[in-house]
Amino acid sequence: MKKSILITGASGFIGSFLVEEALHRGFDTWAGVRASSSRKYLQQPELHFLELDFAHADRLSSQLKAHREVHGSFDYIIHCAGATKCIDQADFDRVNYEQTRAFADTLLRLDMVPQQFVFISTLSVFGPIHEDTYEPIRETDTPQPNTAYGRSKLKAEQYLMGLEDFPYVFYRPTGVYGPRERDYFLMAESIKRHTDFSVGYRRQDLTFVYVKDVVQAVFLGIERQVTRRAYFLSDGQVYASRTFSDLICRELGNPLIIRIRCPLFLLKVVSLLAERWARLRHTASTLNRDKYNIMKQRNWQCDITPAVRELGYRPAYDLDRGVRETIAWYKKEGWL
């Protein structure tokens, strides 16, 4: 009998790739979506859909209970739903923390706790650690998140850890890129328009992880039935601040570009003004306080040894291969 899996946030960037892999592995796969969610990358005929209203606990309880009565409980749940951009910073807490808490509480109340509850978190729960020494961030370090996004994810992690015997597994990827991703796409679009933008003059060590390697780690964790563990995810390498843009330039045929390096103090002013203007217009701004703190952070190294040792995680994509595949997809789909 097939094992069943629910993937929330299935219509999103990482979620859609998780769905593809779950189907490839023969899981009875359910895509947790909102009624308004796009299903552009969820066209597989064998895929099931389950509408979930995380904003209203009573409605969520009814939806899960109705599913259980017909199909039973899920063997695995990957909670990928969440907010990465918000008009109001308080919304990060509401979506990433409060709704995750309500989801876990509902599963407990309905006796629907799965064998493994995967929570897609972020390296940002640790914030700017070892900024002077450039040592890798390790799981034994004390989290010091400096963004509303990172703080909300940390609060969710801490709540799940506090639930007795709750079978959580946290994945804390660094910058995730790949086909369908839009934030790094903006960099490629800017370079195509002959402009490359960077910030700060001090050394910056960056790390990245290709979306398919995140998916690889998640399913390795399911195979090994790990619970109550957390893992950092990167491709295992450290890059200079210009490496990503240089690789994009190569894939775009090395166009002539103007490189603009912005001082941090100027970026801070621009970010605050952009955030305030976006709030007046009731939209989410690409530049904001969170984005400023992310771009200001100088050390993004993290220790993936536990994932390698315990899961058998072996990143298949370094940045060279990942950027090549990503830019090829952008071109094929007409994004570039």
C-alpha atoms as a PDB file:
ATOM      1  CA  MET A   1       0.000   0.000   0.000  1.00  0.00           C
ATOM      2  CA  LYS A   2       1.273   3.435  -0.926  1.00  0.00           C
ATOM      3  CA  LYS A   3       2.438   5.762   1.804  1.00  0.00           C
ATOM      4  CA  SER A   4       0.566   9.056   1.806  1.00  0.00           C
ATOM      5  CA  ILE A   5       2.190  12.459   1.969  1.00  0.00           C
ATOM      6  CA  LEU A   6       0.799  15.979   2.331  1.00  0.00           C
ATOM      7  CA  ILE A   7       2.875  18.870   1.021  1.00  0.00           C
ATOM      8  CA  THR A   8       1.638  22.296   2.084  1.00  0.00           C
ATOM      9  CA  GLY A   9       2.643  25.319   0.050  1.00  0.00           C
ATOM     10  CA  ALA A  10       2.680  22.937  -2.907  1.00  0.00           C
ATOM     11  CA  SER A  11       2.067  25.674  -5.448  1.00  0.00           C
ATOM     12  CA  GLY A  12       5.218  27.540  -4.380  1.00  0.00           C
ATOM     13  CA  PHE A  13       8.783  27.319  -5.635  1.00  0.00           C
ATOM     14  CA  ILE A  14      10.159  24.622  -3.304  1.00  0.00           C
ATOM     15  CA  GLY A  15       6.770  22.995  -2.760  1.00  0.00           C
ATOM     16  CA  SER A  16       6.219  22.229  -6.438  1.00  0.00           C
ATOM     17  CA  PHE A  17       9.568  20.419  -6.646  1.00  0.00           C
ATOM     18  CA  LEU A  18       8.729  18.431  -3.500  1.00  0.00           C
ATOM     19  CA  VAL A  19       5.485  17.354  -5.166  1.00  0.00           C
ATOM     20  CA  GLU A  20       7.344  16.160  -8.267  1.00  0.00           C
ATOM     21  CA  GLU A  21       9.746  14.055  -6.213  1.00  0.00           C
ATOM     22  CA  ALA A  22       6.992  12.588  -4.033  1.00  0.00           C
ATOM     23  CA  LEU A  23       5.115  11.449  -7.140  1.00  0.00           C
ATOM     24  CA  HIS A  24       8.329  10.107  -8.677  1.00  0.00           C
ATOM     25  CA  ARG A  25       8.889   8.026  -5.539  1.00  0.00           C
ATOM     26  CA  GLY A  26       5.399   6.565  -5.684  1.00  0.00           C
ATOM     27  CA  PHE A  27       3.806   8.349  -2.739  1.00  0.00           C
ATOM     28  CA  ASP A  28       0.066   8.920  -2.631  1.00  0.00           C
ATOM     29  CA  THR A  29       0.654  12.654  -2.909  1.00  0.00           C
ATOM     30  CA  TRP A  30      -1.621  15.426  -1.720  1.00  0.00           C
ATOM     31  CA  ALA A  31      -0.935  19.058  -2.561  1.00  0.00           C
ATOM     32  CA  GLY A  32      -2.050  21.355   0.237  1.00  0.00           C
ATOM     33  CA  VAL A  33      -3.167  24.586  -1.406  1.00  0.00           C
ATOM     34  CA  ARG A  34      -5.370  27.610  -0.897  1.00  0.00           C
ATOM     35  CA  ALA A  35      -8.433  28.039  -3.081  1.00  0.00           C
ATOM     36  CA  SER A  36      -6.644  30.947  -4.791  1.00  0.00           C
ATOM     37  CA  SER A  37      -3.327  29.132  -5.320  1.00  0.00           C
ATOM     38  CA  SER A  38      -1.914  28.782  -8.805  1.00  0.00           C
ATOM     39  CA  ARG A  39      -1.719  25.199 -10.045  1.00  0.00           C
ATOM     40  CA  LYS A  40       0.549  25.964 -12.987  1.00  0.00           C
ATOM     41  CA  TYR A  41       3.267  23.546 -11.833  1.00  0.00           C
ATOM     42  CA  LEU A  42       0.845  21.013 -10.367  1.00  0.00           C
ATOM     43  CA  GLN A  43      -0.577  19.439 -13.506  1.00  0.00           C
ATOM     44  CA  GLN A  44       0.242  15.787 -12.806  1.00  0.00           C
ATOM     45  CA  PRO A  45      -2.894  13.661 -13.289  1.00  0.00           C
ATOM     46  CA  GLU A  46      -2.121  11.417 -10.299  1.00  0.00           C
ATOM     47  CA  LEU A  47      -1.807  14.351  -7.892  1.00  0.00           C
ATOM     48  CA  HIS A  48      -4.561  14.967  -5.322  1.00  0.00           C
ATOM     49  CA  PHE A  49      -5.501  18.370  -3.946  1.00  0.00           C
ATOM     50  CA  LEU A  50      -6.550  19.374  -0.459  1.00  0.00           C
ATOM     51  CA  GLU A  51      -7.620  22.942   0.213  1.00  0.00           C
ATOM     52  CA  LEU A  52      -6.361  24.097   3.610  1.00  0.00           C
ATOM     53  CA  ASP A  53      -7.267  27.342   5.350  1.00  0.00           C
ATOM     54  CA  PHE A  54      -4.412  27.951   7.783  1.00  0.00           C
ATOM     55  CA  ALA A  55      -5.771  31.404   8.606  1.00  0.00           C
ATOM     56  CA  HIS A  56      -8.842  29.967  10.354  1.00  0.00           C
ATOM     57  CA  ALA A  57      -8.228  27.124  12.818  1.00  0.00           C
ATOM     58  CA  ASP A  58     -11.842  25.915  12.876  1.00  0.00           C
ATOM     59  CA  ARG A  59     -11.986  25.699   9.108  1.00  0.00           C
ATOM     60  CA  LEU A  60      -8.608  23.934   9.003  1.00  0.00           C
ATOM     61  CA  SER A  61      -9.831  21.400  11.550  1.00  0.00           C
ATOM     62  CA  SER A  62     -12.952  20.671   9.491  1.00  0.00           C
ATOM     63  CA  GLN A  63     -10.912  20.226   6.313  1.00  0.00           C
ATOM     64  CA  LEU A  64      -8.460  17.800   7.911  1.00  0.00           C
ATOM     65  CA  LYS A  65     -11.200  15.886   9.701  1.00  0.00           C
ATOM     66  CA  ALA A  66     -13.154  15.474   6.460  1.00  0.00           C
ATOM     67  CA  HIS A  67     -10.045  14.168   4.734  1.00  0.00           C
ATOM     68  CA  ARG A  68      -9.367  11.679   7.541  1.00  0.00           C
ATOM     69  CA  GLU A  69     -12.891  10.279   7.399  1.00  0.00           C
ATOM     70  CA  VAL A  70     -12.522   9.413   3.715  1.00  0.00           C
ATOM     71  CA  HIS A  71      -8.803   8.825   3.167  1.00  0.00           C
ATOM     72  CA  GLY A  72      -7.293   8.344   6.617  1.00  0.00           C
ATOM     73  CA  SER A  73      -4.365  10.233   8.104  1.00  0.00           C
ATOM     74  CA  PHE A  74      -1.137  11.148   6.326  1.00  0.00           C
ATOM     75  CA  ASP A  75       2.013   9.097   6.831  1.00  0.00           C
ATOM     76  CA  TYR A  76       4.193  12.165   6.211  1.00  0.00           C
ATOM     77  CA  ILE A  77       3.617  15.894   6.157  1.00  0.00           C
ATOM     78  CA  ILE A  78       5.983  18.461   4.657  1.00  0.00           C
ATOM     79  CA  HIS A  79       4.993  21.914   5.847  1.00  0.00           C
ATOM     80  CA  CYS A  80       6.371  24.203   3.186  1.00  0.00           C
ATOM     81  CA  ALA A  81       3.653  26.860   3.346  1.00  0.00           C
ATOM     82  CA  GLY A  82       4.790  30.185   4.707  1.00  0.00           C
ATOM     83  CA  ALA A  83       5.420  33.849   4.027  1.00  0.00           C
ATOM     84  CA  THR A  84       8.704  35.250   2.711  1.00  0.00           C
ATOM     85  CA  LYS A  85       7.331  38.720   1.881  1.00  0.00           C
ATOM     86  CA  CYS A  86       4.752  40.668   3.886  1.00  0.00           C
ATOM     87  CA  ILE A  87       3.269  44.153   3.831  1.00  0.00           C
ATOM     88  CA  ASP A  88       3.332  44.286   7.624  1.00  0.00           C
ATOM     89  CA  GLN A  89       6.196  42.610   9.499  1.00  0.00           C
ATOM     90  CA  ALA A  90       3.678  41.283  12.048  1.00  0.00           C
ATOM     91  CA  ASP A  91       2.291  39.097   9.271  1.00  0.00           C
ATOM     92  CA  PHE A  92       5.453  36.967   9.362  1.00  0.00           C
ATOM     93  CA  ASP A  93       4.547  35.917  12.909  1.00  0.00           C
ATOM     94  CA  ARG A  94       0.927  35.364  11.977  1.00  0.00           C
ATOM     95  CA  VAL A  95       1.702  33.128   8.991  1.00  0.00           C
ATOM     96  CA  ASN A  96       4.984  31.409   9.828  1.00  0.00           C
ATOM     97  CA  TYR A  97       4.527  30.972  13.559  1.00  0.00           C
ATOM     98  CA  GLU A  98       0.881  31.194  14.576  1.00  0.00           C
ATOM     99  CA  GLN A  99      -0.456  29.194  11.643  1.00  0.00           C
ATOM    100  CA  THR A 100       2.216  26.519  12.070  1.00  0.00           C
ATOM    101  CA  ARG A 101       1.335  26.289  15.758  1.00  0.00           C
ATOM    102  CA  ALA A 102      -2.366  25.972  14.916  1.00  0.00           C
ATOM    103  CA  PHE A 103      -1.596  23.287  12.323  1.00  0.00           C
ATOM    104  CA  ALA A 104       0.399  21.189  14.789  1.00  0.00           C
ATOM    105  CA  ASP A 105      -2.229  21.628  17.509  1.00  0.00           C
ATOM    106  CA  THR A 106      -4.962  20.545  15.110  1.00  0.00           C
ATOM    107  CA  LEU A 107      -3.038  17.430  14.088  1.00  0.00           C
ATOM    108  CA  LEU A 108      -2.619  16.521  17.758  1.00  0.00           C
ATOM    109  CA  ARG A 109      -6.267  17.142  18.581  1.00  0.00           C
ATOM    110  CA  LEU A 110      -7.493  15.062  15.633  1.00  0.00           C
ATOM    111  CA  ASP A 111      -4.990  12.267  16.296  1.00  0.00           C
ATOM    112  CA  MET A 112      -3.477  12.882  12.855  1.00  0.00           C
ATOM    113  CA  VAL A 113       0.162  13.312  13.822  1.00  0.00           C
ATOM    114  CA  PRO A 114       2.231  11.760  10.989  1.00  0.00           C
ATOM    115  CA  GLN A 115       5.305   9.560  11.243  1.00  0.00           C
ATOM    116  CA  GLN A 116       7.326  12.651  10.340  1.00  0.00           C
ATOM    117  CA  PHE A 117       6.440  16.344  10.253  1.00  0.00           C
ATOM    118  CA  VAL A 118       8.948  18.163   8.055  1.00  0.00           C
ATOM    119  CA  PHE A 119       9.186  21.903   8.572  1.00  0.00           C
ATOM    120  CA  ILE A 120      10.972  23.920   5.897  1.00  0.00           C
ATOM    121  CA  SER A 121      12.760  26.564   7.939  1.00  0.00           C
ATOM    122  CA  THR A 122      15.729  28.783   7.038  1.00  0.00           C
ATOM    123  CA  LEU A 123      19.336  29.515   7.900  1.00  0.00           C
ATOM    124  CA  SER A 124      18.059  32.983   8.825  1.00  0.00           C
ATOM    125  CA  VAL A 125      16.857  31.623  12.184  1.00  0.00           C
ATOM    126  CA  PHE A 126      20.486  32.052  13.292  1.00  0.00           C
ATOM    127  CA  GLY A 127      21.131  35.528  11.930  1.00  0.00           C
ATOM    128  CA  PRO A 128      24.586  37.141  11.744  1.00  0.00           C
ATOM    129  CA  ILE A 129      26.737  34.588  13.594  1.00  0.00           C
ATOM    130  CA  HIS A 130      30.577  34.600  13.483  1.00  0.00           C
ATOM    131  CA  GLU A 131      30.705  37.810  11.478  1.00  0.00           C
ATOM    132  CA  ASP A 132      34.272  38.468  12.655  1.00  0.00           C
ATOM    133  CA  THR A 133      35.774  35.002  12.269  1.00  0.00           C
ATOM    134  CA  TYR A 134      33.780  33.727   9.283  1.00  0.00           C
ATOM    135  CA  GLU A 135      33.394  30.330  10.916  1.00  0.00           C
ATOM    136  CA  PRO A 136      30.496  28.136   9.747  1.00  0.00           C
ATOM    137  CA  ILE A 137      27.249  28.485  11.668  1.00  0.00           C
ATOM    138  CA  ARG A 138      26.649  25.291  13.642  1.00  0.00           C
ATOM    139  CA  GLU A 139      23.603  23.791  15.311  1.00  0.00           C
ATOM    140  CA  THR A 140      25.235  24.353  18.708  1.00  0.00           C
ATOM    141  CA  ASP A 141      25.326  28.127  18.147  1.00  0.00           C
ATOM    142  CA  THR A 142      22.752  30.379  19.782  1.00  0.00           C
ATOM    143  CA  PRO A 143      20.232  31.747  17.265  1.00  0.00           C
ATOM    144  CA  GLN A 144      20.256  35.530  16.880  1.00  0.00           C
ATOM    145  CA  PRO A 145      17.804  36.240  14.058  1.00  0.00           C
ATOM    146  CA  ASN A 146      17.795  39.851  12.911  1.00  0.00           C
ATOM    147  CA  THR A 147      14.850  39.665  10.491  1.00  0.00           C
ATOM    148  CA  ALA A 148      11.126  39.332  11.119  1.00  0.00           C
ATOM    149  CA  TYR A 149      11.160  36.337   8.789  1.00  0.00           C
ATOM    150  CA  GLY A 150      13.944  34.580  10.714  1.00  0.00           C
ATOM    151  CA  ARG A 151      12.354  35.310  14.091  1.00  0.00           C
ATOM    152  CA  SER A 152       8.994  33.921  12.977  1.00  0.00           C
ATOM    153  CA  LYS A 153      10.571  30.695  11.720  1.00  0.00           C
ATOM    154  CA  LEU A 154      12.556  30.324  14.944  1.00  0.00           C
ATOM    155  CA  LYS A 155       9.410  30.740  17.038  1.00  0.00           C
ATOM    156  CA  ALA A 156       7.726  28.017  15.000  1.00  0.00           C
ATOM    157  CA  GLU A 157      10.714  25.710  15.473  1.00  0.00           C
ATOM    158  CA  GLN A 158      10.745  26.327  19.222  1.00  0.00           C
ATOM    159  CA  TYR A 159       7.037  25.624  19.527  1.00  0.00           C
ATOM    160  CA  LEU A 160       7.306  22.321  17.663  1.00  0.00           C
ATOM    161  CA  MET A 161      10.337  21.326  19.753  1.00  0.00           C
ATOM    162  CA  GLY A 162       8.278  21.941  22.876  1.00  0.00           C
ATOM    163  CA  LEU A 163       5.603  19.437  21.874  1.00  0.00           C
ATOM    164  CA  GLU A 164       6.278  16.130  23.615  1.00  0.00           C
ATOM    165  CA  ASP A 165       7.278  13.367  21.187  1.00  0.00           C
ATOM    166  CA  PHE A 166       6.226  15.438  18.172  1.00  0.00           C
ATOM    167  CA  PRO A 167       8.132  13.961  15.179  1.00  0.00           C
ATOM    168  CA  TYR A 168       9.495  17.172  13.690  1.00  0.00           C
ATOM    169  CA  VAL A 169      12.440  17.493  11.305  1.00  0.00           C
ATOM    170  CA  PHE A 170      13.682  20.980  10.442  1.00  0.00           C
ATOM    171  CA  TYR A 171      15.572  21.859   7.273  1.00  0.00           C
ATOM    172  CA  ARG A 172      17.387  25.195   7.359  1.00  0.00           C
ATOM    173  CA  PRO A 173      18.552  25.926   3.817  1.00  0.00           C
ATOM    174  CA  THR A 174      20.703  28.880   2.891  1.00  0.00           C
ATOM    175  CA  GLY A 175      19.788  30.798  -0.284  1.00  0.00           C
ATOM    176  CA  VAL A 176      17.655  28.438  -2.399  1.00  0.00           C
ATOM    177  CA  TYR A 177      17.673  29.021  -6.142  1.00  0.00           C
ATOM    178  CA  GLY A 178      16.583  27.195  -9.266  1.00  0.00           C
ATOM    179  CA  PRO A 179      13.883  27.144 -11.951  1.00  0.00           C
ATOM    180  CA  ARG A 180      10.619  28.937 -10.995  1.00  0.00           C
ATOM    181  CA  GLU A 181      12.393  31.054  -8.347  1.00  0.00           C
ATOM    182  CA  ARG A 182      11.789  34.793  -8.722  1.00  0.00           C
ATOM    183  CA  ASP A 183      14.129  36.619  -6.326  1.00  0.00           C
ATOM    184  CA  TYR A 184      17.378  35.440  -7.923  1.00  0.00           C
ATOM    185  CA  PHE A 185      15.668  35.870 -11.274  1.00  0.00           C
ATOM    186  CA  LEU A 186      15.610  39.619 -10.578  1.00  0.00           C
ATOM    187  CA  MET A 187      19.423  39.543 -10.488  1.00  0.00           C
ATOM    188  CA  ALA A 188      19.532  37.782 -13.848  1.00  0.00           C
ATOM    189  CA  GLU A 189      17.045  40.258 -15.290  1.00  0.00           C
ATOM    190  CA  SER A 190      19.123  43.186 -14.015  1.00  0.00           C
ATOM    191  CA  ILE A 191      22.306  41.757 -15.532  1.00  0.00           C
ATOM    192  CA  LYS A 192      20.549  41.265 -18.860  1.00  0.00           C
ATOM    193  CA  ARG A 193      19.757  44.969 -18.651  1.00  0.00           C
ATOM    194  CA  HIS A 194      23.497  45.623 -18.126  1.00  0.00           C
ATOM    195  CA  THR A 195      23.458  46.395 -14.391  1.00  0.00           C
ATOM    196  CA  ASP A 196      24.868  44.415 -11.467  1.00  0.00           C
ATOM    197  CA  PHE A 197      24.101  45.654  -7.976  1.00  0.00           C
ATOM    198  CA  SER A 198      26.011  44.737  -4.787  1.00  0.00           C
ATOM    199  CA  VAL A 199      26.261  46.193  -1.292  1.00  0.00           C
ATOM    200  CA  GLY A 200      28.957  46.784   1.295  1.00  0.00           C
ATOM    201  CA  TYR A 201      32.731  46.833   0.957  1.00  0.00           C
ATOM    202  CA  ARG A 202      33.681  44.234   3.539  1.00  0.00           C
ATOM    203  CA  ARG A 203      34.281  40.583   2.658  1.00  0.00           C
ATOM    204  CA  GLN A 204      31.072  38.593   2.287  1.00  0.00           C
ATOM    205  CA  ASP A 205      31.010  34.769   2.268  1.00  0.00           C
ATOM    206  CA  LEU A 206      27.905  33.438   0.549  1.00  0.00           C
ATOM    207  CA  THR A 207      26.387  29.965   0.358  1.00  0.00           C
ATOM    208  CA  PHE A 208      23.666  28.572  -1.864  1.00  0.00           C
ATOM    209  CA  VAL A 209      21.677  25.402  -2.354  1.00  0.00           C
ATOM    210  CA  TYR A 210      19.923  24.266  -5.508  1.00  0.00           C
ATOM    211  CA  VAL A 211      16.246  23.467  -5.038  1.00  0.00           C
ATOM    212  CA  LYS A 212      16.654  19.830  -6.099  1.00  0.00           C
ATOM    213  CA  ASP A 213      19.275  19.311  -3.387  1.00  0.00           C
ATOM    214  CA  VAL A 214      16.824  20.610  -0.770  1.00  0.00           C
ATOM    215  CA  VAL A 215      14.329  18.064  -2.063  1.00  0.00           C
ATOM    216  CA  GLN A 216      16.989  15.353  -1.964  1.00  0.00           C
ATOM    217  CA  ALA A 217      17.681  16.041   1.717  1.00  0.00           C
ATOM    218  CA  VAL A 218      14.004  16.012   2.678  1.00  0.00           C
ATOM    219  CA  PHE A 219      13.385  12.595   1.157  1.00  0.00           C
ATOM    220  CA  LEU A 220      16.611  11.173   2.552  1.00  0.00           C
ATOM    221  CA  GLY A 221      15.289  12.167   5.965  1.00  0.00           C
ATOM    222  CA  ILE A 222      12.018  10.381   5.239  1.00  0.00           C
ATOM    223  CA  GLU A 223      13.877   7.261   4.090  1.00  0.00           C
ATOM    224  CA  ARG A 224      15.925   7.190   7.288  1.00  0.00           C
ATOM    225  CA  GLN A 225      12.929   7.964   9.496  1.00  0.00           C
ATOM    226  CA  VAL A 226      14.795  10.623  11.477  1.00  0.00           C
ATOM    227  CA  THR A 227      12.768  12.681  13.929  1.00  0.00           C
ATOM    228  CA  ARG A 228      13.397  15.577  16.298  1.00  0.00           C
ATOM    229  CA  ARG A 229      16.432  16.738  14.319  1.00  0.00           C
ATOM    230  CA  ALA A 230      17.432  19.887  12.453  1.00  0.00           C
ATOM    231  CA  TYR A 231      19.782  20.205   9.478  1.00  0.00           C
ATOM    232  CA  PHE A 232      21.484  23.055   7.652  1.00  0.00           C
ATOM    233  CA  LEU A 233      21.502  22.731   3.879  1.00  0.00           C
ATOM    234  CA  SER A 234      23.915  24.233   1.363  1.00  0.00           C
ATOM    235  CA  ASP A 235      25.933  22.851  -1.541  1.00  0.00           C
ATOM    236  CA  GLY A 236      28.901  22.536   0.830  1.00  0.00           C
ATOM    237  CA  GLN A 237      30.913  25.321  -0.768  1.00  0.00           C
ATOM    238  CA  VAL A 238      31.559  28.977   0.046  1.00  0.00           C
ATOM    239  CA  TYR A 239      31.463  31.689  -2.600  1.00  0.00           C
ATOM    240  CA  ALA A 240      32.681  35.255  -2.943  1.00  0.00           C
ATOM    241  CA  SER A 241      30.017  37.925  -3.245  1.00  0.00           C
ATOM    242  CA  ARG A 242      30.435  38.268  -7.037  1.00  0.00           C
ATOM    243  CA  THR A 243      30.473  34.591  -7.991  1.00  0.00           C
ATOM    244  CA  PHE A 244      26.733  34.239  -8.542  1.00  0.00           C
ATOM    245  CA  SER A 245      26.502  37.302 -10.783  1.00  0.00           C
ATOM    246  CA  ASP A 246      29.649  36.297 -12.694  1.00  0.00           C
ATOM    247  CA  LEU A 247      28.117  32.912 -13.499  1.00  0.00           C
ATOM    248  CA  ILE A 248      24.884  34.552 -14.625  1.00  0.00           C
ATOM    249  CA  CYS A 249      26.913  36.845 -16.883  1.00  0.00           C
ATOM    250  CA  ARG A 250      28.600  33.846 -18.459  1.00  0.00           C
ATOM    251  CA  GLU A 251      25.277  32.118 -19.144  1.00  0.00           C
ATOM    252  CA  LEU A 252      23.911  35.322 -20.696  1.00  0.00           C
ATOM    253  CA  GLY A 253      26.869  35.612 -23.053  1.00  0.00           C
ATOM    254  CA  ASN A 254      28.923  38.045 -20.958  1.00  0.00           C
ATOM    255  CA  PRO A 255      26.974  41.224 -21.725  1.00  0.00           C
ATOM    256  CA  LEU A 256      28.573  44.570 -20.966  1.00  0.00           C
ATOM    257  CA  ILE A 257      27.483  45.490 -17.441  1.00  0.00           C
ATOM    258  CA  ILE A 258      27.845  48.421 -15.080  1.00  0.00           C
ATOM    259  CA  ARG A 259      28.697  47.234 -11.566  1.00  0.00           C
ATOM    260  CA  ILE A 260      27.179  49.381  -8.841  1.00  0.00           C
ATOM    261  CA  ARG A 261      28.333  48.885  -5.248  1.00  0.00           C
ATOM    262  CA  CYS A 262      26.079  50.581  -2.711  1.00  0.00           C
ATOM    263  CA  PRO A 263      27.307  51.573   0.772  1.00  0.00           C
ATOM    264  CA  LEU A 264      25.330  49.907   3.556  1.00  0.00           C
ATOM    265  CA  PHE A 265      24.148  53.182   5.078  1.00  0.00           C
ATOM    266  CA  LEU A 266      22.631  54.242   1.743  1.00  0.00           C
ATOM    267  CA  LEU A 267      20.977  50.841   1.266  1.00  0.00           C
ATOM    268  CA  LYS A 268      19.425  51.159   4.725  1.00  0.00           C
ATOM    269  CA  VAL A 269      17.894  54.532   3.912  1.00  0.00           C
ATOM    270  CA  VAL A 270      16.580  53.338   0.554  1.00  0.00           C
ATOM    271  CA  SER A 271      15.171  50.147   2.106  1.00  0.00           C
ATOM    272  CA  LEU A 272      13.287  52.023   4.813  1.00  0.00           C
ATOM    273  CA  LEU A 273      11.852  54.488   2.310  1.00  0.00           C
ATOM    274  CA  ALA A 274      10.850  51.694  -0.078  1.00  0.00           C
ATOM    275  CA  GLU A 275       9.158  49.777   2.728  1.00  0.00           C
ATOM    276  CA  ARG A 276       7.230  52.858   3.865  1.00  0.00           C
ATOM    277  CA  TRP A 277       6.126  53.670   0.332  1.00  0.00           C
ATOM    278  CA  ALA A 278       5.005  50.078  -0.280  1.00  0.00           C
ATOM    279  CA  ARG A 279       3.012  50.082   2.950  1.00  0.00           C
ATOM    280  CA  LEU A 280       1.168  53.219   1.844  1.00  0.00           C
ATOM    281  CA  ARG A 281       0.289  51.403  -1.373  1.00  0.00           C
ATOM    282  CA  HIS A 282      -0.622  48.184   0.490  1.00  0.00           C
ATOM    283  CA  THR A 283       1.951  46.116  -1.383  1.00  0.00           C
ATOM    284  CA  ALA A 284       5.046  44.147  -0.332  1.00  0.00           C
ATOM    285  CA  SER A 285       8.344  45.798  -1.205  1.00  0.00           C
ATOM    286  CA  THR A 286      11.358  43.878  -2.523  1.00  0.00           C
ATOM    287  CA  LEU A 287      13.531  46.301  -0.557  1.00  0.00           C
ATOM    288  CA  ASN A 288      12.689  46.496   3.159  1.00  0.00           C
ATOM    289  CA  ARG A 289      14.280  46.196   6.601  1.00  0.00           C
ATOM    290  CA  ASP A 290      14.512  42.414   6.348  1.00  0.00           C
ATOM    291  CA  LYS A 291      16.125  42.570   2.927  1.00  0.00           C
ATOM    292  CA  TYR A 292      18.615  45.136   4.197  1.00  0.00           C
ATOM    293  CA  ASN A 293      19.643  42.894   7.117  1.00  0.00           C
ATOM    294  CA  ILE A 294      19.988  39.914   4.798  1.00  0.00           C
ATOM    295  CA  MET A 295      22.168  41.824   2.340  1.00  0.00           C
ATOM    296  CA  LYS A 296      24.204  43.325   5.186  1.00  0.00           C
ATOM    297  CA  GLN A 297      25.055  39.916   6.680  1.00  0.00           C
ATOM    298  CA  ARG A 298      28.653  39.021   5.851  1.00  0.00           C
ATOM    299  CA  ASN A 299      28.835  35.346   6.872  1.00  0.00           C
ATOM    300  CA  TRP A 300      26.454  32.779   5.405  1.00  0.00           C
ATOM    301  CA  GLN A 301      28.592  29.706   5.962  1.00  0.00           C
ATOM    302  CA  CYS A 302      26.862  26.782   7.679  1.00  0.00           C
ATOM    303  CA  ASP A 303      27.918  23.311   8.773  1.00  0.00           C
ATOM    304  CA  ILE A 304      26.154  20.618   6.733  1.00  0.00           C
ATOM    305  CA  THR A 305      28.178  17.775   8.313  1.00  0.00           C
ATOM    306  CA  PRO A 306      25.187  16.403  10.299  1.00  0.00           C
ATOM    307  CA  ALA A 307      23.105  16.130   7.110  1.00  0.00           C
ATOM    308  CA  VAL A 308      25.980  14.423   5.297  1.00  0.00           C
ATOM    309  CA  ARG A 309      26.664  12.036   8.165  1.00  0.00           C
ATOM    310  CA  GLU A 310      23.127  11.207   9.290  1.00  0.00           C
ATOM    311  CA  LEU A 311      21.184  11.427   6.029  1.00  0.00           C
ATOM    312  CA  GLY A 312      23.794  10.565   3.434  1.00  0.00           C
ATOM    313  CA  TYR A 313      23.208  13.987   1.885  1.00  0.00           C
ATOM    314  CA  ARG A 314      25.490  14.627  -1.092  1.00  0.00           C
ATOM    315  CA  PRO A 315      24.744  17.868  -2.938  1.00  0.00           C
ATOM    316  CA  ALA A 316      24.519  17.149  -6.656  1.00  0.00           C
ATOM    317  CA  TYR A 317      24.690  20.791  -7.746  1.00  0.00           C
ATOM    318  CA  ASP A 318      27.491  23.255  -7.199  1.00  0.00           C
ATOM    319  CA  LEU A 319      26.772  26.856  -8.158  1.00  0.00           C
ATOM    320  CA  ASP A 320      28.255  26.460 -11.636  1.00  0.00           C
ATOM    321  CA  ARG A 321      25.922  23.614 -12.579  1.00  0.00           C
ATOM    322  CA  GLY A 322      22.924  25.079 -10.771  1.00  0.00           C
ATOM    323  CA  VAL A 323      23.147  28.507 -12.403  1.00  0.00           C
ATOM    324  CA  ARG A 324      23.599  26.923 -15.825  1.00  0.00           C
ATOM    325  CA  GLU A 325      20.430  24.852 -15.407  1.00  0.00           C
ATOM    326  CA  THR A 326      18.474  27.750 -13.896  1.00  0.00           C
ATOM    327  CA  ILE A 327      19.322  30.296 -16.601  1.00  0.00           C
ATOM    328  CA  ALA A 328      18.566  27.710 -19.283  1.00  0.00           C
ATOM    329  CA  TRP A 329      15.110  27.254 -17.746  1.00  0.00           C
ATOM    330  CA  TYR A 330      14.516  31.029 -17.569  1.00  0.00           C
ATOM    331  CA  LYS A 331      15.372  31.287 -21.254  1.00  0.00           C
ATOM    332  CA  LYS A 332      13.230  28.291 -22.240  1.00  0.00           C
ATOM    333  CA  GLU A 333      10.219  29.687 -20.377  1.00  0.00           C
ATOM    334  CA  GLY A 334      10.661  33.141 -21.836  1.00  0.00           C
ATOM    335  CA  TRP A 335      11.547  34.819 -18.550  1.00  0.00           C
ATOM    336  CA  LEU A 336      14.813  36.081 -20.053  1.00  0.00           C
END
